[in-house]
Amino acid sequence: MGSPNLEAVDWIWHDGEFVSWNDAQIHVLATAVQFGTSVFEGIRAYDTPNGPAIFRLDAHIRRLFDSARIYRMEPPNFTPDDIAAVAKEIVLKNDLSNCYIRPMVLRGYGAPGLNPLNSPIETYVAAWPWGAYLGEDGLAAGVDVCVTSWQRAHPNTFPARAKAGGQYVNAQLMKMEALLNGFVDAIALGPGGLVSEGTGMNIFLVREGVIITPVLDGTSLVGITRNAVIQMAKDLGYEVQSEPVPRESLYTADEIFFTGTAAEVTPVRSVDHIPVGEGKAGPITLSLQKYFMETVRAENEDSHGYLTYVTG
């Protein structure tokens, strides 16, 4: 049940050098292991006619360093440009094309308690092959999800705009609950009872031709794919609104879809066993999905400069 195991490749980058996949290890008492003190990004590269291209590399690296700054753990020896260059190099060195790239900044072995400042800051970049996060069938037909009993944290408890490892234990509780109850994934509410996001992706609804996404209220990640899909929807002529979304809107939407680096554009066909619209991927969702995949595969103009070519 759940996602398949990682497909090992040859190399992972660690603090300036490439080490073999199996040698990229940290101590069991590293602060990151004890307390979840790590920040990371998930980035996709896609095969294109001009070789592998990374989707929104600069935006992801900016968010990585923003997250590190929030947690007072900026890499002392590497700049955003350095890590962006490594992200390209790791794809080439492992001879990858369609793949997932995972840069990480973490606190290593050092301090035994809650004060992490004496634990060294380590930086890694890994990459591996990875297909559709919620399954190829999910991309085509849509997925069945539930509203989880767990909720997102209140603003000013965890910084939701930081993509930090420890914060994802909340998402894991949601994901396991959904899977064990027969769903593919879950939708989380914020502490005020309004729709926040999925376990690891943002959410959109369609109602009478208008695309609606929950307002960024400090309970959800500011999604890089979310931002791109909003722009793509406008390029295609759709009206997009950001507003508070009550739970019941999930049950009356004409269409629902997730967006994210892993999820890409994934339709939702039911919520809590209630069919969404006709109970299948809707036309607006599919048009956005098609345009998104054409963009990342360099099959259209890429007028917003979303792609960074690995060999460019």
C-alpha atoms as a PDB file:
ATOM      1  CA  MET A   1       0.000   0.000   0.000  1.00  0.00           C
ATOM      2  CA  GLY A   2       1.288   3.490  -0.820  1.00  0.00           C
ATOM      3  CA  SER A   3       4.211   4.674  -2.920  1.00  0.00           C
ATOM      4  CA  PRO A   4       6.854   2.253  -4.254  1.00  0.00           C
ATOM      5  CA  ASN A   5      10.365   2.220  -2.857  1.00  0.00           C
ATOM      6  CA  LEU A   6      12.960   4.595  -4.229  1.00  0.00           C
ATOM      7  CA  GLU A   7      14.788   3.432  -7.325  1.00  0.00           C
ATOM      8  CA  ALA A   8      18.450   3.758  -6.435  1.00  0.00           C
ATOM      9  CA  VAL A   9      20.839   5.503  -8.815  1.00  0.00           C
ATOM     10  CA  ASP A  10      24.624   5.916  -8.640  1.00  0.00           C
ATOM     11  CA  TRP A  11      25.314   9.311  -7.086  1.00  0.00           C
ATOM     12  CA  ILE A  12      24.140  11.808  -4.474  1.00  0.00           C
ATOM     13  CA  TRP A  13      25.802  15.186  -3.969  1.00  0.00           C
ATOM     14  CA  HIS A  14      26.863  16.053  -0.415  1.00  0.00           C
ATOM     15  CA  ASP A  15      28.560  19.296   0.573  1.00  0.00           C
ATOM     16  CA  GLY A  16      30.599  19.717  -2.576  1.00  0.00           C
ATOM     17  CA  GLU A  17      31.287  16.153  -3.661  1.00  0.00           C
ATOM     18  CA  PHE A  18      29.472  13.220  -5.182  1.00  0.00           C
ATOM     19  CA  VAL A  19      29.166  10.126  -3.019  1.00  0.00           C
ATOM     20  CA  SER A  20      27.673   6.771  -3.904  1.00  0.00           C
ATOM     21  CA  TRP A  21      23.977   6.272  -3.217  1.00  0.00           C
ATOM     22  CA  ASN A  22      24.561   3.873  -0.323  1.00  0.00           C
ATOM     23  CA  ASP A  23      27.240   6.053   1.265  1.00  0.00           C
ATOM     24  CA  ALA A  24      24.959   9.098   1.624  1.00  0.00           C
ATOM     25  CA  GLN A  25      24.220   8.543   5.309  1.00  0.00           C
ATOM     26  CA  ILE A  26      23.858  10.584   8.496  1.00  0.00           C
ATOM     27  CA  HIS A  27      24.192   9.636  12.151  1.00  0.00           C
ATOM     28  CA  VAL A  28      21.157   8.250  13.952  1.00  0.00           C
ATOM     29  CA  LEU A  29      21.548  11.053  16.520  1.00  0.00           C
ATOM     30  CA  ALA A  30      21.713  13.829  13.935  1.00  0.00           C
ATOM     31  CA  THR A  31      19.427  16.703  14.858  1.00  0.00           C
ATOM     32  CA  ALA A  32      17.477  16.111  11.638  1.00  0.00           C
ATOM     33  CA  VAL A  33      16.702  12.557  12.731  1.00  0.00           C
ATOM     34  CA  GLN A  34      15.873  13.454  16.326  1.00  0.00           C
ATOM     35  CA  PHE A  35      13.778  16.549  15.693  1.00  0.00           C
ATOM     36  CA  GLY A  36      13.004  16.768  11.966  1.00  0.00           C
ATOM     37  CA  THR A  37      15.298  19.768  11.481  1.00  0.00           C
ATOM     38  CA  SER A  38      15.583  19.716   7.700  1.00  0.00           C
ATOM     39  CA  VAL A  39      14.251  21.676   4.771  1.00  0.00           C
ATOM     40  CA  PHE A  40      13.895  20.337   1.265  1.00  0.00           C
ATOM     41  CA  GLU A  41      12.456  20.763  -2.193  1.00  0.00           C
ATOM     42  CA  GLY A  42      10.854  18.415  -4.682  1.00  0.00           C
ATOM     43  CA  ILE A  43      11.718  19.353  -8.268  1.00  0.00           C
ATOM     44  CA  ARG A  44      10.862  17.602 -11.519  1.00  0.00           C
ATOM     45  CA  ALA A  45      12.928  17.191 -14.643  1.00  0.00           C
ATOM     46  CA  TYR A  46      11.239  16.091 -17.856  1.00  0.00           C
ATOM     47  CA  ASP A  47      12.542  14.622 -21.077  1.00  0.00           C
ATOM     48  CA  THR A  48      12.197  17.067 -23.966  1.00  0.00           C
ATOM     49  CA  PRO A  49      13.384  17.217 -27.589  1.00  0.00           C
ATOM     50  CA  ASN A  50      16.339  19.278 -26.332  1.00  0.00           C
ATOM     51  CA  GLY A  51      17.255  16.922 -23.493  1.00  0.00           C
ATOM     52  CA  PRO A  52      16.165  16.956 -19.843  1.00  0.00           C
ATOM     53  CA  ALA A  53      14.600  20.206 -18.628  1.00  0.00           C
ATOM     54  CA  ILE A  54      13.909  21.149 -15.014  1.00  0.00           C
ATOM     55  CA  PHE A  55      10.575  22.779 -14.245  1.00  0.00           C
ATOM     56  CA  ARG A  56      10.810  26.071 -12.330  1.00  0.00           C
ATOM     57  CA  LEU A  57      14.282  25.404 -10.960  1.00  0.00           C
ATOM     58  CA  ASP A  58      14.977  28.966  -9.817  1.00  0.00           C
ATOM     59  CA  ALA A  59      11.688  29.221  -7.898  1.00  0.00           C
ATOM     60  CA  HIS A  60      12.358  25.945  -6.105  1.00  0.00           C
ATOM     61  CA  ILE A  61      15.882  26.907  -5.132  1.00  0.00           C
ATOM     62  CA  ARG A  62      14.651  30.290  -3.867  1.00  0.00           C
ATOM     63  CA  ARG A  63      12.067  28.537  -1.696  1.00  0.00           C
ATOM     64  CA  LEU A  64      14.698  26.110  -0.390  1.00  0.00           C
ATOM     65  CA  PHE A  65      16.854  28.993   0.794  1.00  0.00           C
ATOM     66  CA  ASP A  66      13.817  30.842   2.155  1.00  0.00           C
ATOM     67  CA  SER A  67      12.912  27.758   4.190  1.00  0.00           C
ATOM     68  CA  ALA A  68      16.485  27.452   5.425  1.00  0.00           C
ATOM     69  CA  ARG A  69      16.518  31.098   6.469  1.00  0.00           C
ATOM     70  CA  ILE A  70      13.276  30.716   8.424  1.00  0.00           C
ATOM     71  CA  TYR A  71      14.832  27.811  10.344  1.00  0.00           C
ATOM     72  CA  ARG A  72      18.172  29.652  10.754  1.00  0.00           C
ATOM     73  CA  MET A  73      20.086  27.027   8.840  1.00  0.00           C
ATOM     74  CA  GLU A  74      21.206  28.606   5.571  1.00  0.00           C
ATOM     75  CA  PRO A  75      24.035  26.645   3.914  1.00  0.00           C
ATOM     76  CA  PRO A  76      27.249  28.428   4.938  1.00  0.00           C
ATOM     77  CA  ASN A  77      29.293  27.431   1.896  1.00  0.00           C
ATOM     78  CA  PHE A  78      26.843  27.335  -0.991  1.00  0.00           C
ATOM     79  CA  THR A  79      24.744  29.919  -2.816  1.00  0.00           C
ATOM     80  CA  PRO A  80      21.424  29.389  -4.597  1.00  0.00           C
ATOM     81  CA  ASP A  81      23.314  29.428  -7.903  1.00  0.00           C
ATOM     82  CA  ASP A  82      25.591  26.662  -6.612  1.00  0.00           C
ATOM     83  CA  ILE A  83      22.669  24.403  -5.708  1.00  0.00           C
ATOM     84  CA  ALA A  84      20.875  25.154  -8.988  1.00  0.00           C
ATOM     85  CA  ALA A  85      24.014  24.085 -10.864  1.00  0.00           C
ATOM     86  CA  VAL A  86      24.223  20.889  -8.803  1.00  0.00           C
ATOM     87  CA  ALA A  87      20.563  20.115  -9.578  1.00  0.00           C
ATOM     88  CA  LYS A  88      21.443  20.104 -13.264  1.00  0.00           C
ATOM     89  CA  GLU A  89      24.651  18.151 -12.713  1.00  0.00           C
ATOM     90  CA  ILE A  90      23.010  15.401 -10.650  1.00  0.00           C
ATOM     91  CA  VAL A  91      20.610  14.664 -13.514  1.00  0.00           C
ATOM     92  CA  LEU A  92      23.503  14.337 -15.963  1.00  0.00           C
ATOM     93  CA  LYS A  93      25.765  12.353 -13.655  1.00  0.00           C
ATOM     94  CA  ASN A  94      23.040   9.774 -13.023  1.00  0.00           C
ATOM     95  CA  ASP A  95      22.045   9.695 -16.704  1.00  0.00           C
ATOM     96  CA  LEU A  96      18.433  10.622 -15.916  1.00  0.00           C
ATOM     97  CA  SER A  97      15.743  12.295 -18.010  1.00  0.00           C
ATOM     98  CA  ASN A  98      12.287  12.060 -16.400  1.00  0.00           C
ATOM     99  CA  CYS A  99      13.170  12.290 -12.735  1.00  0.00           C
ATOM    100  CA  TYR A 100      12.609  13.836  -9.335  1.00  0.00           C
ATOM    101  CA  ILE A 101      15.289  16.040  -7.750  1.00  0.00           C
ATOM    102  CA  ARG A 102      15.500  16.432  -3.968  1.00  0.00           C
ATOM    103  CA  PRO A 103      17.799  19.135  -2.554  1.00  0.00           C
ATOM    104  CA  MET A 104      17.969  19.081   1.243  1.00  0.00           C
ATOM    105  CA  VAL A 105      19.516  21.221   3.962  1.00  0.00           C
ATOM    106  CA  LEU A 106      19.662  19.619   7.383  1.00  0.00           C
ATOM    107  CA  ARG A 107      21.206  19.773  10.829  1.00  0.00           C
ATOM    108  CA  GLY A 108      23.626  16.894  11.308  1.00  0.00           C
ATOM    109  CA  TYR A 109      25.232  15.218  14.310  1.00  0.00           C
ATOM    110  CA  GLY A 110      26.089  17.598  17.135  1.00  0.00           C
ATOM    111  CA  ALA A 111      23.760  19.033  19.736  1.00  0.00           C
ATOM    112  CA  PRO A 112      21.836  16.465  21.834  1.00  0.00           C
ATOM    113  CA  GLY A 113      18.950  18.733  22.811  1.00  0.00           C
ATOM    114  CA  LEU A 114      16.462  21.145  21.308  1.00  0.00           C
ATOM    115  CA  ASN A 115      18.984  23.906  20.638  1.00  0.00           C
ATOM    116  CA  PRO A 116      20.140  23.035  17.106  1.00  0.00           C
ATOM    117  CA  LEU A 117      22.686  25.819  16.665  1.00  0.00           C
ATOM    118  CA  ASN A 118      25.682  23.624  17.511  1.00  0.00           C
ATOM    119  CA  SER A 119      24.695  20.970  14.972  1.00  0.00           C
ATOM    120  CA  PRO A 120      26.455  21.315  11.603  1.00  0.00           C
ATOM    121  CA  ILE A 121      24.481  22.310   8.525  1.00  0.00           C
ATOM    122  CA  GLU A 122      24.734  19.746   5.750  1.00  0.00           C
ATOM    123  CA  THR A 123      23.506  20.067   2.176  1.00  0.00           C
ATOM    124  CA  TYR A 124      22.513  17.221  -0.132  1.00  0.00           C
ATOM    125  CA  VAL A 125      21.067  16.935  -3.641  1.00  0.00           C
ATOM    126  CA  ALA A 126      19.641  13.614  -4.822  1.00  0.00           C
ATOM    127  CA  ALA A 127      17.717  12.569  -7.913  1.00  0.00           C
ATOM    128  CA  TRP A 128      15.917   9.419  -9.003  1.00  0.00           C
ATOM    129  CA  PRO A 129      13.381   8.200 -11.564  1.00  0.00           C
ATOM    130  CA  TRP A 130       9.789   8.762 -10.505  1.00  0.00           C
ATOM    131  CA  GLY A 131       6.517   8.480 -12.380  1.00  0.00           C
ATOM    132  CA  ALA A 132       3.013   9.695 -11.579  1.00  0.00           C
ATOM    133  CA  TYR A 133       2.749  10.304  -7.821  1.00  0.00           C
ATOM    134  CA  LEU A 134      -0.883   9.195  -7.498  1.00  0.00           C
ATOM    135  CA  GLY A 135      -0.691   6.690 -10.346  1.00  0.00           C
ATOM    136  CA  GLU A 136      -1.093   6.905 -14.106  1.00  0.00           C
ATOM    137  CA  ASP A 137      -4.728   5.861 -13.738  1.00  0.00           C
ATOM    138  CA  GLY A 138      -5.228   8.735 -11.306  1.00  0.00           C
ATOM    139  CA  LEU A 139      -3.908  11.249 -13.820  1.00  0.00           C
ATOM    140  CA  ALA A 140      -6.341   9.987 -16.440  1.00  0.00           C
ATOM    141  CA  ALA A 141      -9.470   9.123 -14.472  1.00  0.00           C
ATOM    142  CA  GLY A 142      -9.115  10.945 -11.169  1.00  0.00           C
ATOM    143  CA  VAL A 143      -8.572   9.789  -7.598  1.00  0.00           C
ATOM    144  CA  ASP A 144     -10.862   9.091  -4.658  1.00  0.00           C
ATOM    145  CA  VAL A 145     -10.030  11.143  -1.556  1.00  0.00           C
ATOM    146  CA  CYS A 146     -11.406  11.967   1.872  1.00  0.00           C
ATOM    147  CA  VAL A 147     -11.420  14.944   4.186  1.00  0.00           C
ATOM    148  CA  THR A 148      -8.992  13.876   6.888  1.00  0.00           C
ATOM    149  CA  SER A 149      -9.744  14.066  10.592  1.00  0.00           C
ATOM    150  CA  TRP A 150      -6.330  15.671  11.092  1.00  0.00           C
ATOM    151  CA  GLN A 151      -6.041  19.400  10.423  1.00  0.00           C
ATOM    152  CA  ARG A 152      -3.308  21.759   9.338  1.00  0.00           C
ATOM    153  CA  ALA A 153      -1.542  23.752  12.031  1.00  0.00           C
ATOM    154  CA  HIS A 154      -2.628  27.237  13.000  1.00  0.00           C
ATOM    155  CA  PRO A 155      -0.484  30.056  11.600  1.00  0.00           C
ATOM    156  CA  ASN A 156       2.382  30.966  13.922  1.00  0.00           C
ATOM    157  CA  THR A 157       2.701  27.408  15.199  1.00  0.00           C
ATOM    158  CA  PHE A 158       4.654  25.913  12.311  1.00  0.00           C
ATOM    159  CA  PRO A 159       5.754  28.221   9.474  1.00  0.00           C
ATOM    160  CA  ALA A 160       3.661  26.801   6.646  1.00  0.00           C
ATOM    161  CA  ARG A 161       5.653  28.673   4.004  1.00  0.00           C
ATOM    162  CA  ALA A 162       8.764  26.718   4.961  1.00  0.00           C
ATOM    163  CA  LYS A 163       9.036  23.273   3.397  1.00  0.00           C
ATOM    164  CA  ALA A 164      10.473  21.572   6.472  1.00  0.00           C
ATOM    165  CA  GLY A 165      10.826  17.841   7.059  1.00  0.00           C
ATOM    166  CA  GLY A 166       9.410  17.777  10.589  1.00  0.00           C
ATOM    167  CA  GLN A 167       6.225  19.475   9.492  1.00  0.00           C
ATOM    168  CA  TYR A 168       5.382  16.537   7.244  1.00  0.00           C
ATOM    169  CA  VAL A 169       4.569  14.179  10.101  1.00  0.00           C
ATOM    170  CA  ASN A 170       1.187  15.931   9.977  1.00  0.00           C
ATOM    171  CA  ALA A 171       0.826  15.000   6.306  1.00  0.00           C
ATOM    172  CA  GLN A 172       1.886  11.424   7.000  1.00  0.00           C
ATOM    173  CA  LEU A 173      -0.913  11.007   9.535  1.00  0.00           C
ATOM    174  CA  MET A 174      -3.377  12.237   6.915  1.00  0.00           C
ATOM    175  CA  LYS A 175      -1.980  10.033   4.165  1.00  0.00           C
ATOM    176  CA  MET A 176      -2.010   6.879   6.297  1.00  0.00           C
ATOM    177  CA  GLU A 177      -5.538   7.563   7.491  1.00  0.00           C
ATOM    178  CA  ALA A 178      -6.707   7.967   3.904  1.00  0.00           C
ATOM    179  CA  LEU A 179      -4.979   4.823   2.644  1.00  0.00           C
ATOM    180  CA  LEU A 180      -6.161   2.655   5.512  1.00  0.00           C
ATOM    181  CA  ASN A 181      -9.727   3.778   4.853  1.00  0.00           C
ATOM    182  CA  GLY A 182      -9.569   2.921   1.173  1.00  0.00           C
ATOM    183  CA  PHE A 183      -8.815   6.347  -0.308  1.00  0.00           C
ATOM    184  CA  VAL A 184      -5.865   7.438  -2.414  1.00  0.00           C
ATOM    185  CA  ASP A 185      -5.187  10.677  -0.569  1.00  0.00           C
ATOM    186  CA  ALA A 186      -6.714  13.296   1.700  1.00  0.00           C
ATOM    187  CA  ILE A 187      -7.776  16.913   1.863  1.00  0.00           C
ATOM    188  CA  ALA A 188      -6.912  18.861   4.988  1.00  0.00           C
ATOM    189  CA  LEU A 189      -8.851  21.627   6.672  1.00  0.00           C
ATOM    190  CA  GLY A 190      -7.226  24.483   8.522  1.00  0.00           C
ATOM    191  CA  PRO A 191      -7.914  25.196  12.211  1.00  0.00           C
ATOM    192  CA  GLY A 192     -10.826  27.427  11.225  1.00  0.00           C
ATOM    193  CA  GLY A 193     -12.554  24.594   9.361  1.00  0.00           C
ATOM    194  CA  LEU A 194     -11.823  25.901   5.858  1.00  0.00           C
ATOM    195  CA  VAL A 195     -10.160  23.885   3.114  1.00  0.00           C
ATOM    196  CA  SER A 196      -6.378  24.183   3.215  1.00  0.00           C
ATOM    197  CA  GLU A 197      -4.632  21.718   0.859  1.00  0.00           C
ATOM    198  CA  GLY A 198      -3.923  18.048   0.232  1.00  0.00           C
ATOM    199  CA  THR A 199      -1.285  16.039   2.046  1.00  0.00           C
ATOM    200  CA  GLY A 200       1.461  17.242  -0.253  1.00  0.00           C
ATOM    201  CA  MET A 201      -0.283  19.279  -2.919  1.00  0.00           C
ATOM    202  CA  ASN A 202      -2.478  22.310  -3.390  1.00  0.00           C
ATOM    203  CA  ILE A 203      -6.129  22.042  -4.378  1.00  0.00           C
ATOM    204  CA  PHE A 204      -8.410  23.716  -6.916  1.00  0.00           C
ATOM    205  CA  LEU A 205     -12.157  23.558  -7.449  1.00  0.00           C
ATOM    206  CA  VAL A 206     -14.198  24.404 -10.530  1.00  0.00           C
ATOM    207  CA  ARG A 207     -17.702  25.803 -10.181  1.00  0.00           C
ATOM    208  CA  GLU A 208     -19.702  27.021 -13.194  1.00  0.00           C
ATOM    209  CA  GLY A 209     -16.578  27.491 -15.256  1.00  0.00           C
ATOM    210  CA  VAL A 210     -14.662  29.457 -12.610  1.00  0.00           C
ATOM    211  CA  ILE A 211     -11.497  27.985 -11.115  1.00  0.00           C
ATOM    212  CA  ILE A 212     -11.297  28.518  -7.359  1.00  0.00           C
ATOM    213  CA  THR A 213      -8.350  27.890  -5.043  1.00  0.00           C
ATOM    214  CA  PRO A 214      -8.216  28.397  -1.278  1.00  0.00           C
ATOM    215  CA  VAL A 215      -6.699  31.659  -0.144  1.00  0.00           C
ATOM    216  CA  LEU A 216      -3.164  31.355   1.220  1.00  0.00           C
ATOM    217  CA  ASP A 217      -3.992  31.843   4.887  1.00  0.00           C
ATOM    218  CA  GLY A 218      -0.809  30.583   6.528  1.00  0.00           C
ATOM    219  CA  THR A 219      -1.954  26.936   6.811  1.00  0.00           C
ATOM    220  CA  SER A 220      -0.672  25.708   3.432  1.00  0.00           C
ATOM    221  CA  LEU A 221       2.477  25.722   1.361  1.00  0.00           C
ATOM    222  CA  VAL A 222       2.781  28.415  -1.286  1.00  0.00           C
ATOM    223  CA  GLY A 223       2.921  25.978  -4.171  1.00  0.00           C
ATOM    224  CA  ILE A 224       5.247  26.635  -7.082  1.00  0.00           C
ATOM    225  CA  THR A 225       3.192  24.410  -9.375  1.00  0.00           C
ATOM    226  CA  ARG A 226       0.054  26.069  -7.980  1.00  0.00           C
ATOM    227  CA  ASN A 227       1.365  29.444  -9.093  1.00  0.00           C
ATOM    228  CA  ALA A 228       2.240  28.128 -12.550  1.00  0.00           C
ATOM    229  CA  VAL A 229      -1.145  26.461 -13.024  1.00  0.00           C
ATOM    230  CA  ILE A 230      -2.920  29.697 -12.096  1.00  0.00           C
ATOM    231  CA  GLN A 231      -0.923  31.440 -14.816  1.00  0.00           C
ATOM    232  CA  MET A 232      -1.613  28.649 -17.295  1.00  0.00           C
ATOM    233  CA  ALA A 233      -5.340  28.823 -16.546  1.00  0.00           C
ATOM    234  CA  LYS A 234      -5.295  32.545 -17.286  1.00  0.00           C
ATOM    235  CA  ASP A 235      -3.347  31.894 -20.486  1.00  0.00           C
ATOM    236  CA  LEU A 236      -6.137  29.519 -21.540  1.00  0.00           C
ATOM    237  CA  GLY A 237      -8.773  32.159 -20.795  1.00  0.00           C
ATOM    238  CA  TYR A 238     -10.209  30.804 -17.558  1.00  0.00           C
ATOM    239  CA  GLU A 239     -11.260  32.982 -14.648  1.00  0.00           C
ATOM    240  CA  VAL A 240      -9.320  32.140 -11.464  1.00  0.00           C
ATOM    241  CA  GLN A 241     -10.338  33.228  -7.977  1.00  0.00           C
ATOM    242  CA  SER A 242      -8.571  32.799  -4.646  1.00  0.00           C
ATOM    243  CA  GLU A 243     -11.040  32.763  -1.776  1.00  0.00           C
ATOM    244  CA  PRO A 244     -11.958  30.999   1.480  1.00  0.00           C
ATOM    245  CA  VAL A 245     -13.356  27.545   0.661  1.00  0.00           C
ATOM    246  CA  PRO A 246     -15.717  25.845   3.152  1.00  0.00           C
ATOM    247  CA  ARG A 247     -15.699  22.060   3.338  1.00  0.00           C
ATOM    248  CA  GLU A 248     -19.124  21.710   1.778  1.00  0.00           C
ATOM    249  CA  SER A 249     -17.879  23.328  -1.424  1.00  0.00           C
ATOM    250  CA  LEU A 250     -15.924  20.134  -2.029  1.00  0.00           C
ATOM    251  CA  TYR A 251     -19.208  18.222  -2.288  1.00  0.00           C
ATOM    252  CA  THR A 252     -20.833  20.634  -4.732  1.00  0.00           C
ATOM    253  CA  ALA A 253     -17.916  21.442  -7.024  1.00  0.00           C
ATOM    254  CA  ASP A 254     -18.160  20.591 -10.700  1.00  0.00           C
ATOM    255  CA  GLU A 255     -14.492  19.601 -10.763  1.00  0.00           C
ATOM    256  CA  ILE A 256     -11.613  19.301  -8.282  1.00  0.00           C
ATOM    257  CA  PHE A 257      -7.929  18.789  -8.957  1.00  0.00           C
ATOM    258  CA  PHE A 258      -4.626  18.725  -7.107  1.00  0.00           C
ATOM    259  CA  THR A 259      -1.434  20.451  -8.205  1.00  0.00           C
ATOM    260  CA  GLY A 260       2.126  19.893  -7.084  1.00  0.00           C
ATOM    261  CA  THR A 261       5.566  18.889  -8.264  1.00  0.00           C
ATOM    262  CA  ALA A 262       4.775  15.252  -7.536  1.00  0.00           C
ATOM    263  CA  ALA A 263       1.035  15.368  -8.255  1.00  0.00           C
ATOM    264  CA  GLU A 264       1.403  17.530 -11.402  1.00  0.00           C
ATOM    265  CA  VAL A 265      -2.298  18.118 -12.281  1.00  0.00           C
ATOM    266  CA  THR A 266      -4.304  15.229 -10.824  1.00  0.00           C
ATOM    267  CA  PRO A 267      -8.127  15.128 -11.047  1.00  0.00           C
ATOM    268  CA  VAL A 268     -10.234  14.225  -8.016  1.00  0.00           C
ATOM    269  CA  ARG A 269     -13.288  12.147  -8.862  1.00  0.00           C
ATOM    270  CA  SER A 270     -14.831  11.768  -5.399  1.00  0.00           C
ATOM    271  CA  VAL A 271     -14.582  13.250  -1.908  1.00  0.00           C
ATOM    272  CA  ASP A 272     -15.859  11.235   1.064  1.00  0.00           C
ATOM    273  CA  HIS A 273     -17.549   8.857  -1.424  1.00  0.00           C
ATOM    274  CA  ILE A 274     -19.478  11.769  -2.991  1.00  0.00           C
ATOM    275  CA  PRO A 275     -18.810  11.982  -6.752  1.00  0.00           C
ATOM    276  CA  VAL A 276     -17.276  15.225  -7.969  1.00  0.00           C
ATOM    277  CA  GLY A 277     -19.405  16.407 -10.885  1.00  0.00           C
ATOM    278  CA  GLU A 278     -19.906  13.369 -13.095  1.00  0.00           C
ATOM    279  CA  GLY A 279     -17.485  11.319 -11.016  1.00  0.00           C
ATOM    280  CA  LYS A 280     -14.599  11.563 -13.469  1.00  0.00           C
ATOM    281  CA  ALA A 281     -11.932  14.005 -14.598  1.00  0.00           C
ATOM    282  CA  GLY A 282     -13.627  17.170 -15.816  1.00  0.00           C
ATOM    283  CA  PRO A 283     -12.989  19.081 -19.045  1.00  0.00           C
ATOM    284  CA  ILE A 284     -11.310  22.121 -17.471  1.00  0.00           C
ATOM    285  CA  THR A 285      -9.039  19.900 -15.376  1.00  0.00           C
ATOM    286  CA  LEU A 286      -8.054  17.872 -18.418  1.00  0.00           C
ATOM    287  CA  SER A 287      -7.384  20.963 -20.519  1.00  0.00           C
ATOM    288  CA  LEU A 288      -5.098  22.325 -17.805  1.00  0.00           C
ATOM    289  CA  GLN A 289      -3.408  18.966 -17.386  1.00  0.00           C
ATOM    290  CA  LYS A 290      -2.779  18.777 -21.135  1.00  0.00           C
ATOM    291  CA  TYR A 291      -1.361  22.305 -21.270  1.00  0.00           C
ATOM    292  CA  PHE A 292       0.793  21.654 -18.208  1.00  0.00           C
ATOM    293  CA  MET A 293       2.279  18.469 -19.672  1.00  0.00           C
ATOM    294  CA  GLU A 294       2.880  20.164 -23.019  1.00  0.00           C
ATOM    295  CA  THR A 295       4.728  22.935 -21.190  1.00  0.00           C
ATOM    296  CA  VAL A 296       6.984  20.717 -19.091  1.00  0.00           C
ATOM    297  CA  ARG A 297       7.815  18.553 -22.115  1.00  0.00           C
ATOM    298  CA  ALA A 298       8.671  21.638 -24.197  1.00  0.00           C
ATOM    299  CA  GLU A 299       5.853  20.989 -26.640  1.00  0.00           C
ATOM    300  CA  ASN A 300       4.682  24.603 -26.567  1.00  0.00           C
ATOM    301  CA  GLU A 301       6.295  28.023 -26.451  1.00  0.00           C
ATOM    302  CA  ASP A 302       7.040  28.129 -22.678  1.00  0.00           C
ATOM    303  CA  SER A 303       6.310  31.848 -22.773  1.00  0.00           C
ATOM    304  CA  HIS A 304       6.930  32.244 -19.040  1.00  0.00           C
ATOM    305  CA  GLY A 305      10.376  30.650 -19.074  1.00  0.00           C
ATOM    306  CA  TYR A 306       9.522  27.783 -16.745  1.00  0.00           C
ATOM    307  CA  LEU A 307      12.106  25.346 -18.133  1.00  0.00           C
ATOM    308  CA  THR A 308      15.826  25.180 -17.380  1.00  0.00           C
ATOM    309  CA  TYR A 309      17.654  22.824 -19.707  1.00  0.00           C
ATOM    310  CA  VAL A 310      20.165  20.571 -18.025  1.00  0.00           C
ATOM    311  CA  THR A 311      22.715  20.964 -20.812  1.00  0.00           C
ATOM    312  CA  GLY A 312      21.973  24.630 -21.433  1.00  0.00           C
END
